[in-house]
Amino acid sequence: MKMNYHNKKFRAIDNRDNGESSSSTIFPYLQEGRIIHGHYTGGETEKGFLLGKVEENGNIDMV
């Protein structure tokens, strides 16, 4: 089964004490083929960028 994360939004439910994201940080994913990318913001994060690849089993390998 191939996973499609396009236009999905995620938020952290837990983080380490030194983590920069919180439940206020929204991670909108865009997907092109197996590549996932997006800009995120919220909480202590003013602006971030994510990049990853969807593996055959649906897991995401983030860079």
N, C-alpha and C. Protein backbone atom coordinates (compact mmCIF):
# COMPACT_ATOMS: atom_id res chain seq x y z
N MET A 1 0.83 -1.18 0.00
CA MET A 1 0.00 0.00 0.00
C MET A 1 0.88 1.25 0.00
N LYS A 2 0.64 2.15 -0.90
CA LYS A 2 1.40 3.39 -0.95
C LYS A 2 0.70 4.45 -0.11
N MET A 3 1.49 5.14 0.67
CA MET A 3 0.95 6.21 1.51
C MET A 3 0.98 7.52 0.76
N ASN A 4 -0.06 8.29 0.91
CA ASN A 4 -0.12 9.61 0.31
C ASN A 4 -0.28 10.63 1.44
N TYR A 5 0.74 11.43 1.62
CA TYR A 5 0.74 12.43 2.69
C TYR A 5 0.44 13.83 2.17
N HIS A 6 0.11 13.95 0.88
CA HIS A 6 -0.10 15.27 0.27
C HIS A 6 -1.25 16.01 0.95
N ASN A 7 -0.99 17.25 1.31
CA ASN A 7 -1.95 18.14 1.97
C ASN A 7 -2.40 17.66 3.35
N LYS A 8 -1.63 16.78 3.98
CA LYS A 8 -1.92 16.36 5.36
C LYS A 8 -1.19 17.30 6.31
N LYS A 9 -1.77 17.55 7.47
CA LYS A 9 -1.15 18.40 8.48
C LYS A 9 -0.94 17.59 9.75
N PHE A 10 0.24 17.78 10.34
CA PHE A 10 0.60 17.06 11.56
C PHE A 10 1.05 18.04 12.62
N ARG A 11 0.97 17.62 13.87
CA ARG A 11 1.49 18.41 14.98
C ARG A 11 2.10 17.44 15.98
N ALA A 12 3.09 17.93 16.73
CA ALA A 12 3.76 17.11 17.73
C ALA A 12 2.83 16.90 18.92
N ILE A 13 2.84 15.70 19.46
CA ILE A 13 2.07 15.44 20.68
C ILE A 13 2.99 15.38 21.89
N ASP A 14 4.30 15.23 21.63
CA ASP A 14 5.28 15.16 22.71
C ASP A 14 6.63 15.57 22.14
N ASN A 15 7.49 16.10 22.99
CA ASN A 15 8.81 16.53 22.55
C ASN A 15 9.75 16.48 23.73
N ARG A 16 11.03 16.47 23.45
CA ARG A 16 12.03 16.52 24.52
C ARG A 16 12.12 17.93 25.08
N ASP A 17 12.72 18.05 26.25
CA ASP A 17 12.83 19.36 26.90
C ASP A 17 13.56 20.38 26.04
N ASN A 18 14.54 19.93 25.24
CA ASN A 18 15.30 20.85 24.40
C ASN A 18 14.74 20.93 22.97
N GLY A 19 13.59 20.33 22.72
CA GLY A 19 12.98 20.37 21.39
C GLY A 19 12.43 21.74 21.07
N GLU A 20 12.40 22.06 19.78
CA GLU A 20 11.94 23.38 19.36
C GLU A 20 10.49 23.39 18.88
N SER A 21 9.91 22.23 18.67
CA SER A 21 8.52 22.20 18.24
C SER A 21 7.63 21.90 19.44
N SER A 22 6.35 22.24 19.30
CA SER A 22 5.37 21.97 20.35
C SER A 22 4.06 21.61 19.67
N SER A 23 3.03 21.43 20.47
CA SER A 23 1.73 21.11 19.89
C SER A 23 1.17 22.31 19.11
N SER A 24 1.81 23.47 19.23
CA SER A 24 1.40 24.65 18.46
C SER A 24 2.07 24.70 17.08
N THR A 25 3.06 23.84 16.86
CA THR A 25 3.76 23.79 15.57
C THR A 25 2.98 22.90 14.61
N ILE A 26 2.59 23.44 13.48
CA ILE A 26 1.85 22.70 12.46
C ILE A 26 2.80 22.35 11.32
N PHE A 27 2.79 21.08 10.92
CA PHE A 27 3.64 20.58 9.85
C PHE A 27 2.77 20.17 8.65
N PRO A 28 2.56 21.07 7.69
CA PRO A 28 1.80 20.69 6.49
C PRO A 28 2.73 19.99 5.50
N TYR A 29 2.33 18.82 5.04
CA TYR A 29 3.15 18.03 4.11
C TYR A 29 2.62 18.19 2.69
N LEU A 30 3.54 18.34 1.76
CA LEU A 30 3.24 18.28 0.33
C LEU A 30 4.03 17.10 -0.20
N GLN A 31 3.43 16.34 -1.11
CA GLN A 31 4.10 15.16 -1.62
C GLN A 31 4.12 15.17 -3.13
N GLU A 32 5.29 14.91 -3.69
CA GLU A 32 5.48 14.77 -5.13
C GLU A 32 6.18 13.44 -5.35
N GLY A 33 5.44 12.44 -5.81
CA GLY A 33 6.00 11.09 -5.92
C GLY A 33 6.34 10.59 -4.53
N ARG A 34 7.60 10.23 -4.32
CA ARG A 34 8.04 9.75 -3.00
C ARG A 34 8.62 10.86 -2.14
N ILE A 35 8.75 12.08 -2.69
CA ILE A 35 9.36 13.19 -1.98
C ILE A 35 8.30 13.96 -1.18
N ILE A 36 8.62 14.23 0.09
CA ILE A 36 7.76 15.02 0.98
C ILE A 36 8.51 16.30 1.33
N HIS A 37 7.80 17.42 1.32
CA HIS A 37 8.42 18.68 1.70
C HIS A 37 7.36 19.61 2.26
N GLY A 38 7.79 20.67 2.91
CA GLY A 38 6.86 21.65 3.44
C GLY A 38 7.53 22.66 4.34
N HIS A 39 6.87 23.79 4.53
CA HIS A 39 7.29 24.81 5.48
C HIS A 39 6.40 24.69 6.71
N TYR A 40 6.97 24.92 7.88
CA TYR A 40 6.17 24.85 9.09
C TYR A 40 6.46 26.03 10.00
N THR A 41 5.53 26.29 10.90
CA THR A 41 5.65 27.40 11.84
C THR A 41 4.75 27.13 13.04
N GLY A 42 4.94 27.92 14.08
CA GLY A 42 4.08 27.80 15.25
C GLY A 42 4.86 27.58 16.53
N GLY A 43 4.31 28.02 17.62
CA GLY A 43 5.00 27.90 18.91
C GLY A 43 6.28 28.71 18.90
N GLU A 44 7.38 28.10 19.27
CA GLU A 44 8.68 28.77 19.28
C GLU A 44 9.32 28.83 17.90
N THR A 45 8.76 28.13 16.93
CA THR A 45 9.33 28.07 15.58
C THR A 45 8.76 29.17 14.72
N GLU A 46 9.62 30.06 14.26
CA GLU A 46 9.18 31.13 13.36
C GLU A 46 9.00 30.61 11.94
N LYS A 47 9.94 29.79 11.49
CA LYS A 47 9.84 29.20 10.15
C LYS A 47 10.79 28.02 10.05
N GLY A 48 10.30 26.92 9.53
CA GLY A 48 11.12 25.74 9.32
C GLY A 48 10.79 25.09 8.00
N PHE A 49 11.65 24.20 7.57
CA PHE A 49 11.45 23.49 6.32
C PHE A 49 11.71 22.01 6.56
N LEU A 50 10.87 21.16 6.00
CA LEU A 50 11.09 19.73 6.13
C LEU A 50 11.23 19.11 4.75
N LEU A 51 12.02 18.04 4.70
CA LEU A 51 12.27 17.33 3.45
C LEU A 51 12.47 15.87 3.79
N GLY A 52 11.81 15.01 3.05
CA GLY A 52 11.93 13.58 3.31
C GLY A 52 11.50 12.77 2.12
N LYS A 53 11.62 11.44 2.28
CA LYS A 53 11.23 10.51 1.22
C LYS A 53 10.36 9.43 1.84
N VAL A 54 9.27 9.09 1.17
CA VAL A 54 8.38 8.03 1.63
C VAL A 54 8.95 6.69 1.20
N GLU A 55 9.18 5.80 2.16
CA GLU A 55 9.68 4.47 1.87
C GLU A 55 8.54 3.57 1.41
N GLU A 56 8.86 2.43 0.85
CA GLU A 56 7.85 1.50 0.33
C GLU A 56 6.83 1.09 1.40
N ASN A 57 7.26 1.02 2.65
CA ASN A 57 6.35 0.60 3.73
C ASN A 57 5.52 1.75 4.29
N GLY A 58 5.69 2.97 3.72
CA GLY A 58 4.92 4.11 4.16
C GLY A 58 5.62 4.98 5.19
N ASN A 59 6.73 4.50 5.76
CA ASN A 59 7.50 5.31 6.69
C ASN A 59 8.14 6.49 5.94
N ILE A 60 8.42 7.56 6.68
CA ILE A 60 9.06 8.72 6.09
C ILE A 60 10.49 8.81 6.62
N ASP A 61 11.44 8.91 5.70
CA ASP A 61 12.85 9.10 6.05
C ASP A 61 13.13 10.59 5.87
N MET A 62 13.22 11.33 7.00
CA MET A 62 13.46 12.77 6.96
C MET A 62 14.94 13.07 6.84
N VAL A 63 15.22 14.14 6.12
CA VAL A 63 16.61 14.60 5.95
C VAL A 63 16.89 15.66 6.98
